[in-house]
Amino acid sequence: MQFLALIYETEGSHDVDMPTLMAQYEAFGKEATAAGVMVGGNALEPISTATSVRVRNGESSLTDGPFAETKEQLGGYYLLDCKDQNEALLWAAKIPSARTGTVEVRPVMVFD
């Protein structure tokens, strides 16, 4: 089964410096890859680079930057291949930002 681990954190607020945080993410990536769990993942550019698209009554509207003011923003994700949700949650707990932000784990829907 595949699970998407969505990483939410308040931008710019880290208890560790960036080189340390990046080293922690690199270690997680190596461990998850060695275990055969890592399918993929990426970090996202800051929320200020986002554009939201809405189509209402056939008309498109664009909103630059964050659509909603929230405490935590989506900063990246991992796609994990695990035997079940319990295993996915164990891996999500190892993601460095789980200690300072939130990691949402959701099963990927399979269409027949």
PDB file of N, CA and C in Angstrom:
ATOM      1  N   MET A   1       0.844  -1.181   0.000  1.00  0.00           N
ATOM      2  CA  MET A   1       0.000   0.000   0.000  1.00  0.00           C
ATOM      3  C   MET A   1       0.888   1.243   0.000  1.00  0.00           C
ATOM      4  N   GLN A   2       0.423   2.259  -0.662  1.00  0.00           N
ATOM      5  CA  GLN A   2       1.179   3.505  -0.661  1.00  0.00           C
ATOM      6  C   GLN A   2       0.482   4.536   0.217  1.00  0.00           C
ATOM      7  N   PHE A   3       1.308   5.340   0.878  1.00  0.00           N
ATOM      8  CA  PHE A   3       0.833   6.393   1.777  1.00  0.00           C
ATOM      9  C   PHE A   3       1.587   7.672   1.466  1.00  0.00           C
ATOM     10  N   LEU A   4       0.883   8.786   1.496  1.00  0.00           N
ATOM     11  CA  LEU A   4       1.511  10.090   1.331  1.00  0.00           C
ATOM     12  C   LEU A   4       1.692  10.695   2.710  1.00  0.00           C
ATOM     13  N   ALA A   5       2.921  11.029   3.035  1.00  0.00           N
ATOM     14  CA  ALA A   5       3.237  11.704   4.292  1.00  0.00           C
ATOM     15  C   ALA A   5       3.416  13.181   3.968  1.00  0.00           C
ATOM     16  N   LEU A   6       2.438  13.989   4.352  1.00  0.00           N
ATOM     17  CA  LEU A   6       2.450  15.432   4.077  1.00  0.00           C
ATOM     18  C   LEU A   6       3.077  16.145   5.270  1.00  0.00           C
ATOM     19  N   ILE A   7       4.095  16.934   5.004  1.00  0.00           N
ATOM     20  CA  ILE A   7       4.874  17.563   6.068  1.00  0.00           C
ATOM     21  C   ILE A   7       4.463  19.019   6.217  1.00  0.00           C
ATOM     22  N   TYR A   8       3.910  19.347   7.377  1.00  0.00           N
ATOM     23  CA  TYR A   8       3.471  20.708   7.682  1.00  0.00           C
ATOM     24  C   TYR A   8       4.340  21.284   8.784  1.00  0.00           C
ATOM     25  N   GLU A   9       4.770  22.523   8.592  1.00  0.00           N
ATOM     26  CA  GLU A   9       5.558  23.210   9.611  1.00  0.00           C
ATOM     27  C   GLU A   9       5.408  24.709   9.405  1.00  0.00           C
ATOM     28  N   THR A  10       5.589  25.455  10.465  1.00  0.00           N
ATOM     29  CA  THR A  10       5.592  26.908  10.350  1.00  0.00           C
ATOM     30  C   THR A  10       6.891  27.308   9.669  1.00  0.00           C
ATOM     31  N   GLU A  11       6.767  27.979   8.522  1.00  0.00           N
ATOM     32  CA  GLU A  11       7.969  28.344   7.767  1.00  0.00           C
ATOM     33  C   GLU A  11       8.902  29.208   8.603  1.00  0.00           C
ATOM     34  N   GLY A  12      10.189  28.857   8.522  1.00  0.00           N
ATOM     35  CA  GLY A  12      11.211  29.658   9.180  1.00  0.00           C
ATOM     36  C   GLY A  12      11.368  29.409  10.664  1.00  0.00           C
ATOM     37  N   SER A  13      10.614  28.473  11.219  1.00  0.00           N
ATOM     38  CA  SER A  13      10.756  28.219  12.650  1.00  0.00           C
ATOM     39  C   SER A  13      11.297  26.810  12.863  1.00  0.00           C
ATOM     40  N   HIS A  14      12.574  26.734  13.123  1.00  0.00           N
ATOM     41  CA  HIS A  14      13.213  25.451  13.389  1.00  0.00           C
ATOM     42  C   HIS A  14      14.012  25.571  14.678  1.00  0.00           C
ATOM     43  N   ASP A  15      13.974  24.501  15.478  1.00  0.00           N
ATOM     44  CA  ASP A  15      14.756  24.474  16.708  1.00  0.00           C
ATOM     45  C   ASP A  15      16.218  24.156  16.440  1.00  0.00           C
ATOM     46  N   VAL A  16      16.526  23.726  15.212  1.00  0.00           N
ATOM     47  CA  VAL A  16      17.897  23.405  14.835  1.00  0.00           C
ATOM     48  C   VAL A  16      18.272  24.251  13.627  1.00  0.00           C
ATOM     49  N   ASP A  17      19.571  24.371  13.375  1.00  0.00           N
ATOM     50  CA  ASP A  17      19.980  25.146  12.203  1.00  0.00           C
ATOM     51  C   ASP A  17      19.744  24.321  10.934  1.00  0.00           C
ATOM     52  N   MET A  18      19.696  24.986   9.807  1.00  0.00           N
ATOM     53  CA  MET A  18      19.353  24.330   8.544  1.00  0.00           C
ATOM     54  C   MET A  18      20.322  23.202   8.168  1.00  0.00           C
ATOM     55  N   PRO A  19      21.652  23.368   8.313  1.00  0.00           N
ATOM     56  CA  PRO A  19      22.529  22.234   7.968  1.00  0.00           C
ATOM     57  C   PRO A  19      22.214  20.984   8.811  1.00  0.00           C
ATOM     58  N   THR A  20      21.900  21.175  10.077  1.00  0.00           N
ATOM     59  CA  THR A  20      21.553  20.044  10.939  1.00  0.00           C
ATOM     60  C   THR A  20      20.245  19.418  10.489  1.00  0.00           C
ATOM     61  N   LEU A  21      19.251  20.255  10.197  1.00  0.00           N
ATOM     62  CA  LEU A  21      17.955  19.753   9.746  1.00  0.00           C
ATOM     63  C   LEU A  21      18.096  18.997   8.432  1.00  0.00           C
ATOM     64  N   MET A  22      18.851  19.531   7.495  1.00  0.00           N
ATOM     65  CA  MET A  22      19.037  18.868   6.202  1.00  0.00           C
ATOM     66  C   MET A  22      19.758  17.532   6.388  1.00  0.00           C
ATOM     67  N   ALA A  23      20.720  17.471   7.308  1.00  0.00           N
ATOM     68  CA  ALA A  23      21.417  16.211   7.588  1.00  0.00           C
ATOM     69  C   ALA A  23      20.441  15.181   8.158  1.00  0.00           C
ATOM     70  N   GLN A  24      19.504  15.630   8.993  1.00  0.00           N
ATOM     71  CA  GLN A  24      18.495  14.736   9.552  1.00  0.00           C
ATOM     72  C   GLN A  24      17.582  14.203   8.444  1.00  0.00           C
ATOM     73  N   TYR A  25      17.191  15.075   7.523  1.00  0.00           N
ATOM     74  CA  TYR A  25      16.365  14.632   6.398  1.00  0.00           C
ATOM     75  C   TYR A  25      17.137  13.673   5.494  1.00  0.00           C
ATOM     76  N   GLU A  26      18.400  13.931   5.270  1.00  0.00           N
ATOM     77  CA  GLU A  26      19.216  13.042   4.449  1.00  0.00           C
ATOM     78  C   GLU A  26      19.307  11.662   5.101  1.00  0.00           C
ATOM     79  N   ALA A  27      19.491  11.630   6.414  1.00  0.00           N
ATOM     80  CA  ALA A  27      19.567  10.356   7.131  1.00  0.00           C
ATOM     81  C   ALA A  27      18.240   9.601   7.036  1.00  0.00           C
ATOM     82  N   PHE A  28      17.121  10.324   7.177  1.00  0.00           N
ATOM     83  CA  PHE A  28      15.815   9.683   7.033  1.00  0.00           C
ATOM     84  C   PHE A  28      15.669   9.094   5.640  1.00  0.00           C
ATOM     85  N   GLY A  29      16.021   9.858   4.617  1.00  0.00           N
ATOM     86  CA  GLY A  29      15.905   9.394   3.237  1.00  0.00           C
ATOM     87  C   GLY A  29      16.729   8.143   2.981  1.00  0.00           C
ATOM     88  N   LYS A  30      17.933   8.111   3.513  1.00  0.00           N
ATOM     89  CA  LYS A  30      18.787   6.926   3.337  1.00  0.00           C
ATOM     90  C   LYS A  30      18.186   5.715   4.042  1.00  0.00           C
ATOM     91  N   GLU A  31      17.687   5.907   5.261  1.00  0.00           N
ATOM     92  CA  GLU A  31      17.097   4.803   6.013  1.00  0.00           C
ATOM     93  C   GLU A  31      15.845   4.264   5.317  1.00  0.00           C
ATOM     94  N   ALA A  32      14.972   5.172   4.876  1.00  0.00           N
ATOM     95  CA  ALA A  32      13.730   4.756   4.215  1.00  0.00           C
ATOM     96  C   ALA A  32      14.008   4.090   2.870  1.00  0.00           C
ATOM     97  N   THR A  33      15.013   4.569   2.157  1.00  0.00           N
ATOM     98  CA  THR A  33      15.390   3.959   0.876  1.00  0.00           C
ATOM     99  C   THR A  33      15.972   2.570   1.106  1.00  0.00           C
ATOM    100  N   ALA A  34      16.855   2.436   2.078  1.00  0.00           N
ATOM    101  CA  ALA A  34      17.470   1.139   2.378  1.00  0.00           C
ATOM    102  C   ALA A  34      16.422   0.116   2.799  1.00  0.00           C
ATOM    103  N   ALA A  35      15.360   0.563   3.453  1.00  0.00           N
ATOM    104  CA  ALA A  35      14.295  -0.334   3.895  1.00  0.00           C
ATOM    105  C   ALA A  35      13.306  -0.650   2.776  1.00  0.00           C
ATOM    106  N   GLY A  36      13.453  -0.001   1.621  1.00  0.00           N
ATOM    107  CA  GLY A  36      12.555  -0.233   0.500  1.00  0.00           C
ATOM    108  C   GLY A  36      11.198   0.433   0.649  1.00  0.00           C
ATOM    109  N   VAL A  37      11.102   1.408   1.544  1.00  0.00           N
ATOM    110  CA  VAL A  37       9.841   2.101   1.819  1.00  0.00           C
ATOM    111  C   VAL A  37       9.690   3.362   0.967  1.00  0.00           C
ATOM    112  N   MET A  38      10.798   4.014   0.683  1.00  0.00           N
ATOM    113  CA  MET A  38      10.775   5.296  -0.021  1.00  0.00           C
ATOM    114  C   MET A  38      10.442   5.109  -1.495  1.00  0.00           C
ATOM    115  N   VAL A  39       9.348   5.724  -1.925  1.00  0.00           N
ATOM    116  CA  VAL A  39       8.988   5.734  -3.342  1.00  0.00           C
ATOM    117  C   VAL A  39       9.420   7.060  -3.958  1.00  0.00           C
ATOM    118  N   GLY A  40       9.262   8.142  -3.205  1.00  0.00           N
ATOM    119  CA  GLY A  40       9.650   9.458  -3.700  1.00  0.00           C
ATOM    120  C   GLY A  40       9.341  10.514  -2.667  1.00  0.00           C
ATOM    121  N   GLY A  41       9.682  11.734  -2.992  1.00  0.00           N
ATOM    122  CA  GLY A  41       9.408  12.845  -2.107  1.00  0.00           C
ATOM    123  C   GLY A  41      10.078  14.100  -2.603  1.00  0.00           C
ATOM    124  N   ASN A  42       9.581  15.220  -2.137  1.00  0.00           N
ATOM    125  CA  ASN A  42      10.148  16.511  -2.513  1.00  0.00           C
ATOM    126  C   ASN A  42       9.840  17.544  -1.446  1.00  0.00           C
ATOM    127  N   ALA A  43      10.712  18.520  -1.361  1.00  0.00           N
ATOM    128  CA  ALA A  43      10.439  19.719  -0.567  1.00  0.00           C
ATOM    129  C   ALA A  43       9.769  20.724  -1.498  1.00  0.00           C
ATOM    130  N   LEU A  44       8.971  21.597  -0.931  1.00  0.00           N
ATOM    131  CA  LEU A  44       8.281  22.608  -1.720  1.00  0.00           C
ATOM    132  C   LEU A  44       8.894  23.984  -1.463  1.00  0.00           C
ATOM    133  N   GLU A  45       8.802  24.844  -2.456  1.00  0.00           N
ATOM    134  CA  GLU A  45       9.236  26.231  -2.300  1.00  0.00           C
ATOM    135  C   GLU A  45       8.339  26.902  -1.251  1.00  0.00           C
ATOM    136  N   PRO A  46       8.748  28.054  -0.703  1.00  0.00           N
ATOM    137  CA  PRO A  46       7.950  28.727   0.332  1.00  0.00           C
ATOM    138  C   PRO A  46       6.525  29.033  -0.132  1.00  0.00           C
ATOM    139  N   ILE A  47       5.621  29.139   0.824  1.00  0.00           N
ATOM    140  CA  ILE A  47       4.209  29.394   0.553  1.00  0.00           C
ATOM    141  C   ILE A  47       4.000  30.684  -0.240  1.00  0.00           C
ATOM    142  N   SER A  48       4.928  31.614  -0.129  1.00  0.00           N
ATOM    143  CA  SER A  48       4.803  32.875  -0.876  1.00  0.00           C
ATOM    144  C   SER A  48       4.894  32.658  -2.388  1.00  0.00           C
ATOM    145  N   THR A  49       5.389  31.511  -2.835  1.00  0.00           N
ATOM    146  CA  THR A  49       5.494  31.225  -4.266  1.00  0.00           C
ATOM    147  C   THR A  49       4.259  30.525  -4.811  1.00  0.00           C
ATOM    148  N   ALA A  50       3.313  30.195  -3.941  1.00  0.00           N
ATOM    149  CA  ALA A  50       2.123  29.438  -4.342  1.00  0.00           C
ATOM    150  C   ALA A  50       1.120  30.320  -5.073  1.00  0.00           C
ATOM    151  N   THR A  51       0.361  29.699  -5.948  1.00  0.00           N
ATOM    152  CA  THR A  51      -0.790  30.334  -6.594  1.00  0.00           C
ATOM    153  C   THR A  51      -1.942  29.347  -6.512  1.00  0.00           C
ATOM    154  N   SER A  52      -3.070  29.799  -6.001  1.00  0.00           N
ATOM    155  CA  SER A  52      -4.275  28.965  -5.919  1.00  0.00           C
ATOM    156  C   SER A  52      -5.170  29.268  -7.110  1.00  0.00           C
ATOM    157  N   VAL A  53      -5.758  28.222  -7.677  1.00  0.00           N
ATOM    158  CA  VAL A  53      -6.646  28.348  -8.832  1.00  0.00           C
ATOM    159  C   VAL A  53      -8.034  27.867  -8.427  1.00  0.00           C
ATOM    160  N   ARG A  54      -9.036  28.657  -8.756  1.00  0.00           N
ATOM    161  CA  ARG A  54     -10.425  28.286  -8.529  1.00  0.00           C
ATOM    162  C   ARG A  54     -11.213  28.579  -9.803  1.00  0.00           C
ATOM    163  N   VAL A  55     -12.112  27.668 -10.139  1.00  0.00           N
ATOM    164  CA  VAL A  55     -12.999  27.888 -11.274  1.00  0.00           C
ATOM    165  C   VAL A  55     -14.421  27.838 -10.742  1.00  0.00           C
ATOM    166  N   ARG A  56     -15.120  28.939 -10.901  1.00  0.00           N
ATOM    167  CA  ARG A  56     -16.516  29.038 -10.466  1.00  0.00           C
ATOM    168  C   ARG A  56     -17.327  29.571 -11.639  1.00  0.00           C
ATOM    169  N   ASN A  57     -18.389  28.848 -11.970  1.00  0.00           N
ATOM    170  CA  ASN A  57     -19.253  29.248 -13.082  1.00  0.00           C
ATOM    171  C   ASN A  57     -18.455  29.479 -14.358  1.00  0.00           C
ATOM    172  N   GLY A  58     -17.452  28.633 -14.585  1.00  0.00           N
ATOM    173  CA  GLY A  58     -16.659  28.719 -15.797  1.00  0.00           C
ATOM    174  C   GLY A  58     -15.590  29.799 -15.795  1.00  0.00           C
ATOM    175  N   GLU A  59     -15.479  30.566 -14.718  1.00  0.00           N
ATOM    176  CA  GLU A  59     -14.491  31.641 -14.623  1.00  0.00           C
ATOM    177  C   GLU A  59     -13.363  31.234 -13.680  1.00  0.00           C
ATOM    178  N   SER A  60     -12.130  31.408 -14.138  1.00  0.00           N
ATOM    179  CA  SER A  60     -10.965  31.106 -13.311  1.00  0.00           C
ATOM    180  C   SER A  60     -10.545  32.328 -12.523  1.00  0.00           C
ATOM    181  N   SER A  61     -10.159  32.087 -11.283  1.00  0.00           N
ATOM    182  CA  SER A  61      -9.555  33.161 -10.493  1.00  0.00           C
ATOM    183  C   SER A  61      -8.283  32.621  -9.866  1.00  0.00           C
ATOM    184  N   LEU A  62      -7.277  33.486  -9.778  1.00  0.00           N
ATOM    185  CA  LEU A  62      -5.978  33.120  -9.221  1.00  0.00           C
ATOM    186  C   LEU A  62      -5.711  33.945  -7.973  1.00  0.00           C
ATOM    187  N   THR A  63      -5.145  33.308  -6.974  1.00  0.00           N
ATOM    188  CA  THR A  63      -4.741  34.004  -5.757  1.00  0.00           C
ATOM    189  C   THR A  63      -3.279  33.690  -5.512  1.00  0.00           C
ATOM    190  N   ASP A  64      -2.440  34.709  -5.461  1.00  0.00           N
ATOM    191  CA  ASP A  64      -1.016  34.507  -5.178  1.00  0.00           C
ATOM    192  C   ASP A  64      -0.804  34.351  -3.687  1.00  0.00           C
ATOM    193  N   GLY A  65       0.248  33.592  -3.364  1.00  0.00           N
ATOM    194  CA  GLY A  65       0.597  33.402  -1.963  1.00  0.00           C
ATOM    195  C   GLY A  65      -0.361  32.456  -1.286  1.00  0.00           C
ATOM    196  N   PRO A  66      -0.307  32.410   0.017  1.00  0.00           N
ATOM    197  CA  PRO A  66      -1.186  31.464   0.714  1.00  0.00           C
ATOM    198  C   PRO A  66      -2.647  31.866   0.572  1.00  0.00           C
ATOM    199  N   PHE A  67      -3.499  30.884   0.349  1.00  0.00           N
ATOM    200  CA  PHE A  67      -4.934  31.146   0.241  1.00  0.00           C
ATOM    201  C   PHE A  67      -5.513  31.436   1.619  1.00  0.00           C
ATOM    202  N   ALA A  68      -5.114  30.639   2.590  1.00  0.00           N
ATOM    203  CA  ALA A  68      -5.630  30.815   3.953  1.00  0.00           C
ATOM    204  C   ALA A  68      -4.458  31.076   4.897  1.00  0.00           C
ATOM    205  N   GLU A  69      -4.673  31.939   5.837  1.00  0.00           N
ATOM    206  CA  GLU A  69      -3.653  32.188   6.849  1.00  0.00           C
ATOM    207  C   GLU A  69      -3.713  31.045   7.857  1.00  0.00           C
ATOM    208  N   THR A  70      -2.666  30.243   7.896  1.00  0.00           N
ATOM    209  CA  THR A  70      -2.602  29.130   8.822  1.00  0.00           C
ATOM    210  C   THR A  70      -1.282  29.148   9.556  1.00  0.00           C
ATOM    211  N   LYS A  71      -1.241  28.482  10.680  1.00  0.00           N
ATOM    212  CA  LYS A  71      -0.021  28.436  11.471  1.00  0.00           C
ATOM    213  C   LYS A  71       1.052  27.593  10.785  1.00  0.00           C
ATOM    214  N   GLU A  72       0.639  26.447  10.221  1.00  0.00           N
ATOM    215  CA  GLU A  72       1.578  25.561   9.552  1.00  0.00           C
ATOM    216  C   GLU A  72       1.257  25.490   8.064  1.00  0.00           C
ATOM    217  N   GLN A  73       2.308  25.371   7.265  1.00  0.00           N
ATOM    218  CA  GLN A  73       2.149  25.276   5.820  1.00  0.00           C
ATOM    219  C   GLN A  73       2.714  23.951   5.329  1.00  0.00           C
ATOM    220  N   LEU A  74       2.178  23.476   4.197  1.00  0.00           N
ATOM    221  CA  LEU A  74       2.706  22.275   3.563  1.00  0.00           C
ATOM    222  C   LEU A  74       4.087  22.599   3.012  1.00  0.00           C
ATOM    223  N   GLY A  75       5.088  21.870   3.485  1.00  0.00           N
ATOM    224  CA  GLY A  75       6.462  22.151   3.072  1.00  0.00           C
ATOM    225  C   GLY A  75       7.080  21.064   2.218  1.00  0.00           C
ATOM    226  N   GLY A  76       6.440  19.907   2.171  1.00  0.00           N
ATOM    227  CA  GLY A  76       6.985  18.820   1.381  1.00  0.00           C
ATOM    228  C   GLY A  76       6.210  17.541   1.641  1.00  0.00           C
ATOM    229  N   TYR A  77       6.689  16.464   1.019  1.00  0.00           N
ATOM    230  CA  TYR A  77       5.981  15.196   1.164  1.00  0.00           C
ATOM    231  C   TYR A  77       6.922  14.034   0.870  1.00  0.00           C
ATOM    232  N   TYR A  78       6.539  12.876   1.349  1.00  0.00           N
ATOM    233  CA  TYR A  78       7.170  11.611   0.980  1.00  0.00           C
ATOM    234  C   TYR A  78       6.069  10.663   0.548  1.00  0.00           C
ATOM    235  N   LEU A  79       6.327   9.880  -0.478  1.00  0.00           N
ATOM    236  CA  LEU A  79       5.450   8.801  -0.881  1.00  0.00           C
ATOM    237  C   LEU A  79       6.095   7.523  -0.372  1.00  0.00           C
ATOM    238  N   LEU A  80       5.381   6.826   0.517  1.00  0.00           N
ATOM    239  CA  LEU A  80       5.922   5.650   1.188  1.00  0.00           C
ATOM    240  C   LEU A  80       5.145   4.405   0.779  1.00  0.00           C
ATOM    241  N   ASP A  81       5.851   3.320   0.598  1.00  0.00           N
ATOM    242  CA  ASP A  81       5.243   2.035   0.274  1.00  0.00           C
ATOM    243  C   ASP A  81       5.384   1.150   1.504  1.00  0.00           C
ATOM    244  N   CYS A  82       4.280   0.931   2.209  1.00  0.00           N
ATOM    245  CA  CYS A  82       4.297   0.202   3.478  1.00  0.00           C
ATOM    246  C   CYS A  82       3.265  -0.914   3.454  1.00  0.00           C
ATOM    247  N   LYS A  83       3.438  -1.891   4.339  1.00  0.00           N
ATOM    248  CA  LYS A  83       2.497  -3.018   4.368  1.00  0.00           C
ATOM    249  C   LYS A  83       1.132  -2.603   4.885  1.00  0.00           C
ATOM    250  N   ASP A  84       1.096  -1.576   5.771  1.00  0.00           N
ATOM    251  CA  ASP A  84      -0.180  -1.110   6.312  1.00  0.00           C
ATOM    252  C   ASP A  84       0.001   0.288   6.912  1.00  0.00           C
ATOM    253  N   GLN A  85      -1.092   0.856   7.417  1.00  0.00           N
ATOM    254  CA  GLN A  85      -1.036   2.211   7.958  1.00  0.00           C
ATOM    255  C   GLN A  85      -0.151   2.292   9.205  1.00  0.00           C
ATOM    256  N   ASN A  86      -0.145   1.243  10.011  1.00  0.00           N
ATOM    257  CA  ASN A  86       0.699   1.265  11.207  1.00  0.00           C
ATOM    258  C   ASN A  86       2.170   1.428  10.840  1.00  0.00           C
ATOM    259  N   GLU A  87       2.623   0.715   9.813  1.00  0.00           N
ATOM    260  CA  GLU A  87       4.008   0.858   9.376  1.00  0.00           C
ATOM    261  C   GLU A  87       4.251   2.270   8.836  1.00  0.00           C
ATOM    262  N   ALA A  88       3.293   2.797   8.074  1.00  0.00           N
ATOM    263  CA  ALA A  88       3.426   4.154   7.527  1.00  0.00           C
ATOM    264  C   ALA A  88       3.536   5.175   8.657  1.00  0.00           C
ATOM    265  N   LEU A  89       2.770   4.982   9.714  1.00  0.00           N
ATOM    266  CA  LEU A  89       2.825   5.915  10.852  1.00  0.00           C
ATOM    267  C   LEU A  89       4.166   5.826  11.576  1.00  0.00           C
ATOM    268  N   LEU A  90       4.732   4.635  11.666  1.00  0.00           N
ATOM    269  CA  LEU A  90       6.060   4.491  12.278  1.00  0.00           C
ATOM    270  C   LEU A  90       7.115   5.243  11.479  1.00  0.00           C
ATOM    271  N   TRP A  91       7.032   5.148  10.140  1.00  0.00           N
ATOM    272  CA  TRP A  91       7.981   5.876   9.299  1.00  0.00           C
ATOM    273  C   TRP A  91       7.750   7.384   9.383  1.00  0.00           C
ATOM    274  N   ALA A  92       6.489   7.799   9.408  1.00  0.00           N
ATOM    275  CA  ALA A  92       6.184   9.232   9.502  1.00  0.00           C
ATOM    276  C   ALA A  92       6.742   9.831  10.779  1.00  0.00           C
ATOM    277  N   ALA A  93       6.739   9.073  11.852  1.00  0.00           N
ATOM    278  CA  ALA A  93       7.272   9.567  13.125  1.00  0.00           C
ATOM    279  C   ALA A  93       8.781   9.801  13.059  1.00  0.00           C
ATOM    280  N   LYS A  94       9.450   9.185  12.085  1.00  0.00           N
ATOM    281  CA  LYS A  94      10.895   9.374  11.914  1.00  0.00           C
ATOM    282  C   LYS A  94      11.240  10.609  11.085  1.00  0.00           C
ATOM    283  N   ILE A  95      10.259  11.190  10.415  1.00  0.00           N
ATOM    284  CA  ILE A  95      10.507  12.385   9.604  1.00  0.00           C
ATOM    285  C   ILE A  95      10.874  13.529  10.552  1.00  0.00           C
ATOM    286  N   PRO A  96      11.993  14.214  10.327  1.00  0.00           N
ATOM    287  CA  PRO A  96      12.461  15.231  11.268  1.00  0.00           C
ATOM    288  C   PRO A  96      11.420  16.272  11.681  1.00  0.00           C
ATOM    289  N   SER A  97      10.600  16.733  10.763  1.00  0.00           N
ATOM    290  CA  SER A  97       9.626  17.775  11.100  1.00  0.00           C
ATOM    291  C   SER A  97       8.483  17.276  11.970  1.00  0.00           C
ATOM    292  N   ALA A  98       8.378  15.962  12.184  1.00  0.00           N
ATOM    293  CA  ALA A  98       7.346  15.449  13.091  1.00  0.00           C
ATOM    294  C   ALA A  98       7.605  15.946  14.516  1.00  0.00           C
ATOM    295  N   ARG A  99       8.857  16.297  14.818  1.00  0.00           N
ATOM    296  CA  ARG A  99       9.212  16.784  16.166  1.00  0.00           C
ATOM    297  C   ARG A  99       8.838  18.243  16.387  1.00  0.00           C
ATOM    298  N   THR A 100       8.668  19.005  15.311  1.00  0.00           N
ATOM    299  CA  THR A 100       8.383  20.437  15.467  1.00  0.00           C
ATOM    300  C   THR A 100       7.134  20.889  14.731  1.00  0.00           C
ATOM    301  N   GLY A 101       6.623  20.062  13.839  1.00  0.00           N
ATOM    302  CA  GLY A 101       5.435  20.396  13.058  1.00  0.00           C
ATOM    303  C   GLY A 101       4.453  19.248  13.096  1.00  0.00           C
ATOM    304  N   THR A 102       3.859  18.953  11.951  1.00  0.00           N
ATOM    305  CA  THR A 102       2.873  17.885  11.831  1.00  0.00           C
ATOM    306  C   THR A 102       3.141  17.102  10.558  1.00  0.00           C
ATOM    307  N   VAL A 103       3.039  15.787  10.636  1.00  0.00           N
ATOM    308  CA  VAL A 103       3.117  14.950   9.448  1.00  0.00           C
ATOM    309  C   VAL A 103       1.779  14.229   9.323  1.00  0.00           C
ATOM    310  N   GLU A 104       1.044  14.563   8.274  1.00  0.00           N
ATOM    311  CA  GLU A 104      -0.257  13.932   8.000  1.00  0.00           C
ATOM    312  C   GLU A 104      -0.016  12.731   7.091  1.00  0.00           C
ATOM    313  N   VAL A 105      -0.543  11.581   7.478  1.00  0.00           N
ATOM    314  CA  VAL A 105      -0.364  10.357   6.690  1.00  0.00           C
ATOM    315  C   VAL A 105      -1.712   9.960   6.104  1.00  0.00           C
ATOM    316  N   ARG A 106      -1.733   9.814   4.771  1.00  0.00           N
ATOM    317  CA  ARG A 106      -2.981   9.448   4.103  1.00  0.00           C
ATOM    318  C   ARG A 106      -2.721   8.339   3.096  1.00  0.00           C
ATOM    319  N   PRO A 107      -3.592   7.319   3.078  1.00  0.00           N
ATOM    320  CA  PRO A 107      -3.444   6.270   2.070  1.00  0.00           C
ATOM    321  C   PRO A 107      -3.728   6.831   0.676  1.00  0.00           C
ATOM    322  N   VAL A 108      -2.987   6.330  -0.293  1.00  0.00           N
ATOM    323  CA  VAL A 108      -3.217   6.712  -1.683  1.00  0.00           C
ATOM    324  C   VAL A 108      -4.377   5.870  -2.186  1.00  0.00           C
ATOM    325  N   MET A 109      -5.364   6.515  -2.788  1.00  0.00           N
ATOM    326  CA  MET A 109      -6.534   5.813  -3.308  1.00  0.00           C
ATOM    327  C   MET A 109      -6.159   5.039  -4.559  1.00  0.00           C
ATOM    328  N   VAL A 110      -6.614   3.815  -4.620  1.00  0.00           N
ATOM    329  CA  VAL A 110      -6.343   2.954  -5.777  1.00  0.00           C
ATOM    330  C   VAL A 110      -7.633   2.833  -6.575  1.00  0.00           C
ATOM    331  N   PHE A 111      -7.552   3.144  -7.853  1.00  0.00           N
ATOM    332  CA  PHE A 111      -8.699   3.028  -8.752  1.00  0.00           C
ATOM    333  C   PHE A 111      -8.549   1.763  -9.571  1.00  0.00           C
ATOM    334  N   ASP A 112      -9.624   1.018  -9.710  1.00  0.00           N
ATOM    335  CA  ASP A 112      -9.588  -0.217 -10.516  1.00  0.00           C
ATOM    336  C   ASP A 112      -9.828   0.095 -11.972  1.00  0.00           C
TER     337      ASP A 112
END
